[in-house]
């Protein structure tokens, strides 16, 4: 019965650590870039957009389509970087846990 108690306590500790790691992802920022830096999007590692920066050269009417494409590309770049950073941070937390192959957290 002691082994079951130890497993339950370990599971509770893992859950607490996951909650801390998830909360920390709000504080980690990534930057998506498009058009050689003409459009930049800052986002949290959870994917929440925190800011958009657009070079003034793109604010002409005849650049509207280019601007729209670059904003979309910068958002996508930020999303990819946020996902990678999130996986990296969660991987740090779970690296020492004896989890079976293919087991992913959070559940």
PDB file of N, CA and C in Angstrom:
ATOM      1  N   UNK A   1       0.823  -1.200   0.000  1.00  0.00           N
ATOM      2  CA  UNK A   1       0.000   0.000   0.000  1.00  0.00           C
ATOM      3  C   UNK A   1       0.864   1.260   0.000  1.00  0.00           C
ATOM      4  N   UNK A   2       2.047   1.171   0.573  1.00  0.00           N
ATOM      5  CA  UNK A   2       2.960   2.318   0.627  1.00  0.00           C
ATOM      6  C   UNK A   2       3.349   2.768  -0.784  1.00  0.00           C
ATOM      7  N   UNK A   3       3.547   1.815  -1.713  1.00  0.00           N
ATOM      8  CA  UNK A   3       3.919   2.157  -3.085  1.00  0.00           C
ATOM      9  C   UNK A   3       2.835   2.988  -3.758  1.00  0.00           C
ATOM     10  N   UNK A   4       1.586   2.659  -3.537  1.00  0.00           N
ATOM     11  CA  UNK A   4       0.483   3.401  -4.121  1.00  0.00           C
ATOM     12  C   UNK A   4       0.454   4.826  -3.571  1.00  0.00           C
ATOM     13  N   UNK A   5       0.699   4.976  -2.284  1.00  0.00           N
ATOM     14  CA  UNK A   5       0.747   6.310  -1.685  1.00  0.00           C
ATOM     15  C   UNK A   5       1.885   7.131  -2.293  1.00  0.00           C
ATOM     16  N   UNK A   6       3.042   6.501  -2.507  1.00  0.00           N
ATOM     17  CA  UNK A   6       4.181   7.191  -3.110  1.00  0.00           C
ATOM     18  C   UNK A   6       3.862   7.616  -4.542  1.00  0.00           C
ATOM     19  N   UNK A   7       3.187   6.756  -5.281  1.00  0.00           N
ATOM     20  CA  UNK A   7       2.807   7.077  -6.665  1.00  0.00           C
ATOM     21  C   UNK A   7       1.835   8.250  -6.688  1.00  0.00           C
ATOM     22  N   UNK A   8       0.866   8.231  -5.786  1.00  0.00           N
ATOM     23  CA  UNK A   8      -0.119   9.312  -5.733  1.00  0.00           C
ATOM     24  C   UNK A   8       0.546  10.637  -5.347  1.00  0.00           C
ATOM     25  N   UNK A   9       1.468  10.584  -4.419  1.00  0.00           N
ATOM     26  CA  UNK A   9       2.179  11.802  -4.007  1.00  0.00           C
ATOM     27  C   UNK A   9       3.030  12.327  -5.160  1.00  0.00           C
ATOM     28  N   UNK A  10       3.700  11.425  -5.886  1.00  0.00           N
ATOM     29  CA  UNK A  10       4.504  11.835  -7.038  1.00  0.00           C
ATOM     30  C   UNK A  10       3.617  12.459  -8.117  1.00  0.00           C
ATOM     31  N   UNK A  11       2.450  11.890  -8.346  1.00  0.00           N
ATOM     32  CA  UNK A  11       1.522  12.427  -9.341  1.00  0.00           C
ATOM     33  C   UNK A  11       1.051  13.824  -8.939  1.00  0.00           C
ATOM     34  N   UNK A  12       0.804  14.025  -7.669  1.00  0.00           N
ATOM     35  CA  UNK A  12       0.379  15.334  -7.189  1.00  0.00           C
ATOM     36  C   UNK A  12       1.504  16.352  -7.375  1.00  0.00           C
ATOM     37  N   UNK A  13       2.751  15.934  -7.099  1.00  0.00           N
ATOM     38  CA  UNK A  13       3.898  16.822  -7.290  1.00  0.00           C
ATOM     39  C   UNK A  13       4.058  17.194  -8.758  1.00  0.00           C
ATOM     40  N   UNK A  14       3.860  16.226  -9.645  1.00  0.00           N
ATOM     41  CA  UNK A  14       3.952  16.482 -11.087  1.00  0.00           C
ATOM     42  C   UNK A  14       2.889  17.492 -11.502  1.00  0.00           C
ATOM     43  N   UNK A  15       1.688  17.327 -11.001  1.00  0.00           N
ATOM     44  CA  UNK A  15       0.600  18.247 -11.337  1.00  0.00           C
ATOM     45  C   UNK A  15       0.930  19.665 -10.872  1.00  0.00           C
ATOM     46  N   UNK A  16       1.472  19.801  -9.678  1.00  0.00           N
ATOM     47  CA  UNK A  16       1.840  21.119  -9.164  1.00  0.00           C
ATOM     48  C   UNK A  16       2.935  21.749 -10.026  1.00  0.00           C
ATOM     49  N   UNK A  17       3.923  20.957 -10.415  1.00  0.00           N
ATOM     50  CA  UNK A  17       5.004  21.457 -11.258  1.00  0.00           C
ATOM     51  C   UNK A  17       4.492  21.860 -12.644  1.00  0.00           C
ATOM     52  N   UNK A  18       3.545  21.094 -13.188  1.00  0.00           N
ATOM     53  CA  UNK A  18       2.945  21.437 -14.480  1.00  0.00           C
ATOM     54  C   UNK A  18       2.217  22.775 -14.401  1.00  0.00           C
ATOM     55  N   UNK A  19       1.509  23.000 -13.334  1.00  0.00           N
ATOM     56  CA  UNK A  19       0.787  24.258 -13.170  1.00  0.00           C
ATOM     57  C   UNK A  19       1.765  25.432 -13.098  1.00  0.00           C
ATOM     58  N   UNK A  20       2.878  25.246 -12.392  1.00  0.00           N
ATOM     59  CA  UNK A  20       3.893  26.298 -12.316  1.00  0.00           C
ATOM     60  C   UNK A  20       4.505  26.556 -13.691  1.00  0.00           C
ATOM     61  N   UNK A  21       4.807  25.486 -14.410  1.00  0.00           N
ATOM     62  CA  UNK A  21       5.407  25.625 -15.741  1.00  0.00           C
ATOM     63  C   UNK A  21       4.440  26.321 -16.696  1.00  0.00           C
ATOM     64  N   UNK A  22       3.161  25.964 -16.654  1.00  0.00           N
ATOM     65  CA  UNK A  22       2.166  26.606 -17.508  1.00  0.00           C
ATOM     66  C   UNK A  22       2.055  28.097 -17.194  1.00  0.00           C
ATOM     67  N   UNK A  23       2.073  28.451 -15.926  1.00  0.00           N
ATOM     68  CA  UNK A  23       1.993  29.858 -15.530  1.00  0.00           C
ATOM     69  C   UNK A  23       3.220  30.621 -16.017  1.00  0.00           C
ATOM     70  N   UNK A  24       4.376  29.982 -15.992  1.00  0.00           N
ATOM     71  CA  UNK A  24       5.617  30.616 -16.424  1.00  0.00           C
ATOM     72  C   UNK A  24       5.608  30.922 -17.916  1.00  0.00           C
ATOM     73  N   UNK A  25       4.864  30.155 -18.701  1.00  0.00           N
ATOM     74  CA  UNK A  25       4.825  30.371 -20.148  1.00  0.00           C
ATOM     75  C   UNK A  25       4.245  31.740 -20.507  1.00  0.00           C
ATOM     76  N   UNK A  26       3.440  32.333 -19.646  1.00  0.00           N
ATOM     77  CA  UNK A  26       2.915  33.677 -19.899  1.00  0.00           C
ATOM     78  C   UNK A  26       4.015  34.731 -19.847  1.00  0.00           C
ATOM     79  N   UNK A  27       5.098  34.440 -19.129  1.00  0.00           N
ATOM     80  CA  UNK A  27       6.182  35.401 -18.946  1.00  0.00           C
ATOM     81  C   UNK A  27       7.295  35.268 -19.990  1.00  0.00           C
ATOM     82  N   UNK A  28       7.261  34.219 -20.781  1.00  0.00           N
ATOM     83  CA  UNK A  28       8.289  34.005 -21.799  1.00  0.00           C
ATOM     84  C   UNK A  28       7.785  34.577 -23.113  1.00  0.00           C
ATOM     85  N   UNK A  29       8.600  35.434 -23.748  1.00  0.00           N
ATOM     86  CA  UNK A  29       8.188  36.050 -25.006  1.00  0.00           C
ATOM     87  C   UNK A  29       8.992  35.518 -26.180  1.00  0.00           C
ATOM     88  N   UNK A  30       8.332  35.431 -27.326  1.00  0.00           N
ATOM     89  CA  UNK A  30       8.979  35.087 -28.591  1.00  0.00           C
ATOM     90  C   UNK A  30       8.625  36.191 -29.577  1.00  0.00           C
ATOM     91  N   UNK A  31       9.408  36.275 -30.664  1.00  0.00           N
ATOM     92  CA  UNK A  31       9.133  37.283 -31.677  1.00  0.00           C
ATOM     93  C   UNK A  31       9.057  36.633 -33.041  1.00  0.00           C
ATOM     94  N   UNK A  32       7.932  36.821 -33.706  1.00  0.00           N
ATOM     95  CA  UNK A  32       7.766  36.363 -35.079  1.00  0.00           C
ATOM     96  C   UNK A  32       8.134  37.499 -36.013  1.00  0.00           C
ATOM     97  N   UNK A  33       8.859  37.182 -37.085  1.00  0.00           N
ATOM     98  CA  UNK A  33       9.343  38.208 -38.002  1.00  0.00           C
ATOM     99  C   UNK A  33       9.006  37.816 -39.422  1.00  0.00           C
ATOM    100  N   UNK A  34       8.676  38.817 -40.240  1.00  0.00           N
ATOM    101  CA  UNK A  34       8.414  38.579 -41.668  1.00  0.00           C
ATOM    102  C   UNK A  34       8.942  39.773 -42.465  1.00  0.00           C
ATOM    103  N   UNK A  35       9.197  39.521 -43.743  1.00  0.00           N
ATOM    104  CA  UNK A  35       9.652  40.596 -44.621  1.00  0.00           C
ATOM    105  C   UNK A  35      10.990  41.161 -44.215  1.00  0.00           C
ATOM    106  N   UNK A  36      11.876  40.302 -43.739  1.00  0.00           N
ATOM    107  CA  UNK A  36      13.199  40.772 -43.341  1.00  0.00           C
ATOM    108  C   UNK A  36      13.167  41.749 -42.180  1.00  0.00           C
ATOM    109  N   UNK A  37      12.168  41.631 -41.327  1.00  0.00           N
ATOM    110  CA  UNK A  37      12.065  42.488 -40.152  1.00  0.00           C
ATOM    111  C   UNK A  37      11.110  43.656 -40.325  1.00  0.00           C
ATOM    112  N   UNK A  38      10.437  43.746 -41.468  1.00  0.00           N
ATOM    113  CA  UNK A  38       9.486  44.836 -41.683  1.00  0.00           C
ATOM    114  C   UNK A  38       8.229  44.686 -40.830  1.00  0.00           C
ATOM    115  N   UNK A  39       7.883  43.451 -40.499  1.00  0.00           N
ATOM    116  CA  UNK A  39       6.738  43.188 -39.622  1.00  0.00           C
ATOM    117  C   UNK A  39       7.215  42.255 -38.509  1.00  0.00           C
ATOM    118  N   UNK A  40       6.915  42.635 -37.264  1.00  0.00           N
ATOM    119  CA  UNK A  40       7.295  41.831 -36.102  1.00  0.00           C
ATOM    120  C   UNK A  40       6.085  41.655 -35.201  1.00  0.00           C
ATOM    121  N   UNK A  41       5.952  40.444 -34.660  1.00  0.00           N
ATOM    122  CA  UNK A  41       4.870  40.146 -33.730  1.00  0.00           C
ATOM    123  C   UNK A  41       5.499  39.557 -32.468  1.00  0.00           C
ATOM    124  N   UNK A  42       5.214  40.175 -31.319  1.00  0.00           N
ATOM    125  CA  UNK A  42       5.655  39.642 -30.031  1.00  0.00           C
ATOM    126  C   UNK A  42       4.512  38.862 -29.412  1.00  0.00           C
ATOM    127  N   UNK A  43       4.829  37.664 -28.888  1.00  0.00           N
ATOM    128  CA  UNK A  43       3.798  36.821 -28.280  1.00  0.00           C
ATOM    129  C   UNK A  43       4.385  36.092 -27.079  1.00  0.00           C
ATOM    130  N   UNK A  44       3.494  35.660 -26.183  1.00  0.00           N
ATOM    131  CA  UNK A  44       3.927  34.822 -25.068  1.00  0.00           C
ATOM    132  C   UNK A  44       4.136  33.402 -25.585  1.00  0.00           C
ATOM    133  N   UNK A  45       4.824  32.594 -24.805  1.00  0.00           N
ATOM    134  CA  UNK A  45       5.030  31.191 -25.186  1.00  0.00           C
ATOM    135  C   UNK A  45       3.705  30.431 -25.214  1.00  0.00           C
ATOM    136  N   UNK A  46       2.657  31.011 -24.634  1.00  0.00           N
ATOM    137  CA  UNK A  46       1.320  30.417 -24.719  1.00  0.00           C
ATOM    138  C   UNK A  46       0.603  30.850 -25.993  1.00  0.00           C
ATOM    139  N   UNK A  47       1.217  31.771 -26.754  1.00  0.00           N
ATOM    140  CA  UNK A  47       0.633  32.198 -28.021  1.00  0.00           C
ATOM    141  C   UNK A  47      -0.215  33.460 -27.957  1.00  0.00           C
ATOM    142  N   UNK A  48      -0.253  34.125 -26.815  1.00  0.00           N
ATOM    143  CA  UNK A  48      -1.011  35.369 -26.703  1.00  0.00           C
ATOM    144  C   UNK A  48      -0.189  36.505 -27.310  1.00  0.00           C
ATOM    145  N   UNK A  49      -0.750  37.204 -28.296  1.00  0.00           N
ATOM    146  CA  UNK A  49      -0.046  38.293 -28.963  1.00  0.00           C
ATOM    147  C   UNK A  49       0.058  39.479 -28.009  1.00  0.00           C
ATOM    148  N   UNK A  50       1.284  39.998 -27.876  1.00  0.00           N
ATOM    149  CA  UNK A  50       1.517  41.117 -26.968  1.00  0.00           C
ATOM    150  C   UNK A  50       1.806  42.412 -27.712  1.00  0.00           C
ATOM    151  N   UNK A  51       2.170  42.310 -28.980  1.00  0.00           N
ATOM    152  CA  UNK A  51       2.435  43.530 -29.735  1.00  0.00           C
ATOM    153  C   UNK A  51       2.737  43.244 -31.191  1.00  0.00           C
ATOM    154  N   UNK A  52       2.486  44.238 -32.033  1.00  0.00           N
ATOM    155  CA  UNK A  52       2.764  44.160 -33.460  1.00  0.00           C
ATOM    156  C   UNK A  52       3.524  45.420 -33.844  1.00  0.00           C
ATOM    157  N   UNK A  53       4.596  45.238 -34.614  1.00  0.00           N
ATOM    158  CA  UNK A  53       5.381  46.373 -35.089  1.00  0.00           C
ATOM    159  C   UNK A  53       5.445  46.293 -36.610  1.00  0.00           C
ATOM    160  N   UNK A  54       5.064  47.402 -37.269  1.00  0.00           N
ATOM    161  CA  UNK A  54       5.035  47.452 -38.731  1.00  0.00           C
ATOM    162  C   UNK A  54       5.888  48.627 -39.192  1.00  0.00           C
ATOM    163  N   UNK A  55       6.820  48.345 -40.073  1.00  0.00           N
ATOM    164  CA  UNK A  55       7.671  49.389 -40.641  1.00  0.00           C
ATOM    165  C   UNK A  55       6.805  50.376 -41.432  1.00  0.00           C
ATOM    166  N   UNK A  56       7.095  51.664 -41.301  1.00  0.00           N
ATOM    167  CA  UNK A  56       6.307  52.702 -41.960  1.00  0.00           C
ATOM    168  C   UNK A  56       6.288  52.566 -43.479  1.00  0.00           C
ATOM    169  N   UNK A  57       7.311  51.956 -44.053  1.00  0.00           N
ATOM    170  CA  UNK A  57       7.364  51.832 -45.515  1.00  0.00           C
ATOM    171  C   UNK A  57       6.225  50.974 -46.065  1.00  0.00           C
ATOM    172  N   UNK A  58       5.588  50.187 -45.205  1.00  0.00           N
ATOM    173  CA  UNK A  58       4.499  49.314 -45.634  1.00  0.00           C
ATOM    174  C   UNK A  58       3.117  49.962 -45.493  1.00  0.00           C
ATOM    175  N   UNK A  59       3.077  51.213 -45.054  1.00  0.00           N
ATOM    176  CA  UNK A  59       1.799  51.854 -44.778  1.00  0.00           C
ATOM    177  C   UNK A  59       1.206  52.594 -45.985  1.00  0.00           C
ATOM    178  N   UNK A  60       1.744  52.372 -47.152  1.00  0.00           N
ATOM    179  CA  UNK A  60       1.197  52.969 -48.369  1.00  0.00           C
ATOM    180  C   UNK A  60       0.044  52.102 -48.875  1.00  0.00           C
ATOM    181  N   UNK A  61      -0.947  52.740 -49.485  1.00  0.00           N
ATOM    182  CA  UNK A  61      -2.124  52.034 -50.000  1.00  0.00           C
ATOM    183  C   UNK A  61      -1.727  50.916 -50.953  1.00  0.00           C
ATOM    184  N   UNK A  62      -0.740  51.163 -51.814  1.00  0.00           N
ATOM    185  CA  UNK A  62      -0.355  50.150 -52.801  1.00  0.00           C
ATOM    186  C   UNK A  62       0.404  48.974 -52.168  1.00  0.00           C
ATOM    187  N   UNK A  63       0.697  49.053 -50.882  1.00  0.00           N
ATOM    188  CA  UNK A  63       1.382  47.967 -50.165  1.00  0.00           C
ATOM    189  C   UNK A  63       0.422  47.154 -49.295  1.00  0.00           C
ATOM    190  N   UNK A  64      -0.877  47.413 -49.422  1.00  0.00           N
ATOM    191  CA  UNK A  64      -1.868  46.767 -48.559  1.00  0.00           C
ATOM    192  C   UNK A  64      -1.773  45.242 -48.591  1.00  0.00           C
ATOM    193  N   UNK A  65      -1.751  44.634 -49.757  1.00  0.00           N
ATOM    194  CA  UNK A  65      -1.693  43.171 -49.874  1.00  0.00           C
ATOM    195  C   UNK A  65      -0.394  42.621 -49.290  1.00  0.00           C
ATOM    196  N   UNK A  66       0.708  43.317 -49.566  1.00  0.00           N
ATOM    197  CA  UNK A  66       2.005  42.897 -49.020  1.00  0.00           C
ATOM    198  C   UNK A  66       1.962  42.942 -47.498  1.00  0.00           C
ATOM    199  N   UNK A  67       1.422  44.025 -46.951  1.00  0.00           N
ATOM    200  CA  UNK A  67       1.323  44.178 -45.501  1.00  0.00           C
ATOM    201  C   UNK A  67       0.477  43.066 -44.890  1.00  0.00           C
ATOM    202  N   UNK A  68      -0.666  42.779 -45.495  1.00  0.00           N
ATOM    203  CA  UNK A  68      -1.522  41.711 -44.976  1.00  0.00           C
ATOM    204  C   UNK A  68      -0.797  40.364 -44.990  1.00  0.00           C
ATOM    205  N   UNK A  69      -0.087  40.085 -46.061  1.00  0.00           N
ATOM    206  CA  UNK A  69       0.661  38.824 -46.153  1.00  0.00           C
ATOM    207  C   UNK A  69       1.769  38.754 -45.111  1.00  0.00           C
ATOM    208  N   UNK A  70       2.469  39.865 -44.909  1.00  0.00           N
ATOM    209  CA  UNK A  70       3.571  39.879 -43.941  1.00  0.00           C
ATOM    210  C   UNK A  70       3.068  39.770 -42.502  1.00  0.00           C
ATOM    211  N   UNK A  71       1.937  40.389 -42.210  1.00  0.00           N
ATOM    212  CA  UNK A  71       1.359  40.275 -40.854  1.00  0.00           C
ATOM    213  C   UNK A  71       0.979  38.822 -40.581  1.00  0.00           C
ATOM    214  N   UNK A  72       0.334  38.180 -41.554  1.00  0.00           N
ATOM    215  CA  UNK A  72      -0.032  36.771 -41.383  1.00  0.00           C
ATOM    216  C   UNK A  72       1.217  35.911 -41.196  1.00  0.00           C
ATOM    217  N   UNK A  73       2.248  36.161 -41.987  1.00  0.00           N
ATOM    218  CA  UNK A  73       3.490  35.385 -41.880  1.00  0.00           C
ATOM    219  C   UNK A  73       4.162  35.604 -40.530  1.00  0.00           C
ATOM    220  N   UNK A  74       4.161  36.839 -40.037  1.00  0.00           N
ATOM    221  CA  UNK A  74       4.772  37.122 -38.730  1.00  0.00           C
ATOM    222  C   UNK A  74       3.993  36.446 -37.606  1.00  0.00           C
ATOM    223  N   UNK A  75       2.655  36.461 -37.691  1.00  0.00           N
ATOM    224  CA  UNK A  75       1.841  35.759 -36.691  1.00  0.00           C
ATOM    225  C   UNK A  75       2.164  34.264 -36.702  1.00  0.00           C
ATOM    226  N   UNK A  76       2.246  33.688 -37.883  1.00  0.00           N
ATOM    227  CA  UNK A  76       2.555  32.253 -37.986  1.00  0.00           C
ATOM    228  C   UNK A  76       3.942  31.946 -37.448  1.00  0.00           C
ATOM    229  N   UNK A  77       4.914  32.803 -37.731  1.00  0.00           N
ATOM    230  CA  UNK A  77       6.264  32.611 -37.217  1.00  0.00           C
ATOM    231  C   UNK A  77       6.276  32.669 -35.690  1.00  0.00           C
ATOM    232  N   UNK A  78       5.541  33.634 -35.132  1.00  0.00           N
ATOM    233  CA  UNK A  78       5.452  33.740 -33.669  1.00  0.00           C
ATOM    234  C   UNK A  78       4.793  32.505 -33.075  1.00  0.00           C
ATOM    235  N   UNK A  79       3.759  31.979 -33.725  1.00  0.00           N
ATOM    236  CA  UNK A  79       3.053  30.791 -33.228  1.00  0.00           C
ATOM    237  C   UNK A  79       3.978  29.581 -33.192  1.00  0.00           C
ATOM    238  N   UNK A  80       4.749  29.394 -34.256  1.00  0.00           N
ATOM    239  CA  UNK A  80       5.700  28.278 -34.315  1.00  0.00           C
ATOM    240  C   UNK A  80       6.741  28.413 -33.204  1.00  0.00           C
ATOM    241  N   UNK A  81       7.257  29.607 -33.015  1.00  0.00           N
ATOM    242  CA  UNK A  81       8.264  29.835 -31.968  1.00  0.00           C
ATOM    243  C   UNK A  81       7.662  29.662 -30.574  1.00  0.00           C
ATOM    244  N   UNK A  82       6.415  30.108 -30.384  1.00  0.00           N
ATOM    245  CA  UNK A  82       5.749  29.938 -29.089  1.00  0.00           C
ATOM    246  C   UNK A  82       5.559  28.459 -28.778  1.00  0.00           C
ATOM    247  N   UNK A  83       5.139  27.678 -29.776  1.00  0.00           N
ATOM    248  CA  UNK A  83       4.959  26.234 -29.574  1.00  0.00           C
ATOM    249  C   UNK A  83       6.283  25.567 -29.221  1.00  0.00           C
ATOM    250  N   UNK A  84       7.346  25.942 -29.925  1.00  0.00           N
ATOM    251  CA  UNK A  84       8.665  25.352 -29.665  1.00  0.00           C
ATOM    252  C   UNK A  84       9.145  25.704 -28.261  1.00  0.00           C
ATOM    253  N   UNK A  85       8.975  26.953 -27.856  1.00  0.00           N
ATOM    254  CA  UNK A  85       9.413  27.384 -26.527  1.00  0.00           C
ATOM    255  C   UNK A  85       8.594  26.688 -25.447  1.00  0.00           C
ATOM    256  N   UNK A  86       7.306  26.529 -25.688  1.00  0.00           N
ATOM    257  CA  UNK A  86       6.439  25.844 -24.733  1.00  0.00           C
ATOM    258  C   UNK A  86       6.881  24.395 -24.559  1.00  0.00           C
ATOM    259  N   UNK A  87       7.142  23.710 -25.663  1.00  0.00           N
ATOM    260  CA  UNK A  87       7.598  22.315 -25.586  1.00  0.00           C
ATOM    261  C   UNK A  87       8.946  22.218 -24.882  1.00  0.00           C
ATOM    262  N   UNK A  88       9.830  23.175 -25.150  1.00  0.00           N
ATOM    263  CA  UNK A  88      11.146  23.180 -24.506  1.00  0.00           C
ATOM    264  C   UNK A  88      11.009  23.331 -22.993  1.00  0.00           C
ATOM    265  N   UNK A  89      10.178  24.287 -22.568  1.00  0.00           N
ATOM    266  CA  UNK A  89       9.992  24.525 -21.136  1.00  0.00           C
ATOM    267  C   UNK A  89       9.331  23.335 -20.450  1.00  0.00           C
ATOM    268  N   UNK A  90       8.321  22.753 -21.082  1.00  0.00           N
ATOM    269  CA  UNK A  90       7.656  21.601 -20.490  1.00  0.00           C
ATOM    270  C   UNK A  90       8.594  20.396 -20.482  1.00  0.00           C
ATOM    271  N   UNK A  91       9.437  20.276 -21.497  1.00  0.00           N
ATOM    272  CA  UNK A  91      10.414  19.188 -21.553  1.00  0.00           C
ATOM    273  C   UNK A  91      11.407  19.261 -20.406  1.00  0.00           C
ATOM    274  N   UNK A  92      11.804  20.483 -20.036  1.00  0.00           N
ATOM    275  CA  UNK A  92      12.720  20.661 -18.902  1.00  0.00           C
ATOM    276  C   UNK A  92      12.092  20.121 -17.621  1.00  0.00           C
ATOM    277  N   UNK A  93      10.794  20.395 -17.474  1.00  0.00           N
ATOM    278  CA  UNK A  93      10.098  19.986 -16.257  1.00  0.00           C
ATOM    279  C   UNK A  93       9.929  18.473 -16.179  1.00  0.00           C
ATOM    280  N   UNK A  94       9.702  17.830 -17.318  1.00  0.00           N
ATOM    281  CA  UNK A  94       9.402  16.405 -17.292  1.00  0.00           C
ATOM    282  C   UNK A  94      10.614  15.517 -17.559  1.00  0.00           C
ATOM    283  N   UNK A  95      11.780  16.124 -17.815  1.00  0.00           N
ATOM    284  CA  UNK A  95      12.952  15.331 -18.200  1.00  0.00           C
ATOM    285  C   UNK A  95      13.395  14.338 -17.129  1.00  0.00           C
ATOM    286  N   UNK A  96      13.204  14.652 -15.875  1.00  0.00           N
ATOM    287  CA  UNK A  96      13.633  13.751 -14.819  1.00  0.00           C
ATOM    288  C   UNK A  96      12.578  12.772 -14.350  1.00  0.00           C
ATOM    289  N   UNK A  97      11.408  12.812 -14.957  1.00  0.00           N
ATOM    290  CA  UNK A  97      10.332  11.939 -14.518  1.00  0.00           C
ATOM    291  C   UNK A  97      10.413  10.580 -15.210  1.00  0.00           C
ATOM    292  N   UNK A  98      10.161   9.519 -14.488  1.00  0.00           N
ATOM    293  CA  UNK A  98      10.190   8.178 -15.092  1.00  0.00           C
ATOM    294  C   UNK A  98       8.879   7.861 -15.808  1.00  0.00           C
ATOM    295  N   UNK A  99       8.676   8.495 -16.957  1.00  0.00           N
ATOM    296  CA  UNK A  99       7.439   8.282 -17.711  1.00  0.00           C
ATOM    297  C   UNK A  99       7.646   7.219 -18.777  1.00  0.00           C
ATOM    298  N   UNK A 100       6.620   6.444 -19.074  1.00  0.00           N
ATOM    299  CA  UNK A 100       6.738   5.436 -20.119  1.00  0.00           C
ATOM    300  C   UNK A 100       6.917   6.096 -21.490  1.00  0.00           C
ATOM    301  N   UNK A 101       7.554   5.422 -22.446  1.00  0.00           N
ATOM    302  CA  UNK A 101       7.747   5.984 -23.784  1.00  0.00           C
ATOM    303  C   UNK A 101       6.409   6.399 -24.407  1.00  0.00           C
ATOM    304  N   UNK A 102       6.397   7.574 -25.023  1.00  0.00           N
ATOM    305  CA  UNK A 102       5.194   8.061 -25.688  1.00  0.00           C
ATOM    306  C   UNK A 102       4.205   8.748 -24.769  1.00  0.00           C
ATOM    307  N   UNK A 103       4.449   8.744 -23.465  1.00  0.00           N
ATOM    308  CA  UNK A 103       3.549   9.370 -22.510  1.00  0.00           C
ATOM    309  C   UNK A 103       3.761  10.871 -22.562  1.00  0.00           C
ATOM    310  N   UNK A 104       2.689  11.631 -22.726  1.00  0.00           N
ATOM    311  CA  UNK A 104       2.800  13.078 -22.861  1.00  0.00           C
ATOM    312  C   UNK A 104       2.059  13.762 -21.739  1.00  0.00           C
ATOM    313  N   UNK A 105       2.644  14.857 -21.281  1.00  0.00           N
ATOM    314  CA  UNK A 105       2.019  15.707 -20.283  1.00  0.00           C
ATOM    315  C   UNK A 105       1.755  17.060 -20.917  1.00  0.00           C
ATOM    316  N   UNK A 106       0.752  17.816 -20.504  1.00  0.00           N
ATOM    317  CA  UNK A 106      -0.278  17.396 -19.582  1.00  0.00           C
ATOM    318  C   UNK A 106      -1.219  16.392 -20.232  1.00  0.00           C
ATOM    319  N   UNK A 107      -1.919  15.683 -19.392  1.00  0.00           N
ATOM    320  CA  UNK A 107      -2.762  14.571 -19.808  1.00  0.00           C
ATOM    321  C   UNK A 107      -3.748  15.050 -20.808  1.00  0.00           C
TER     322      UNK A 107
END
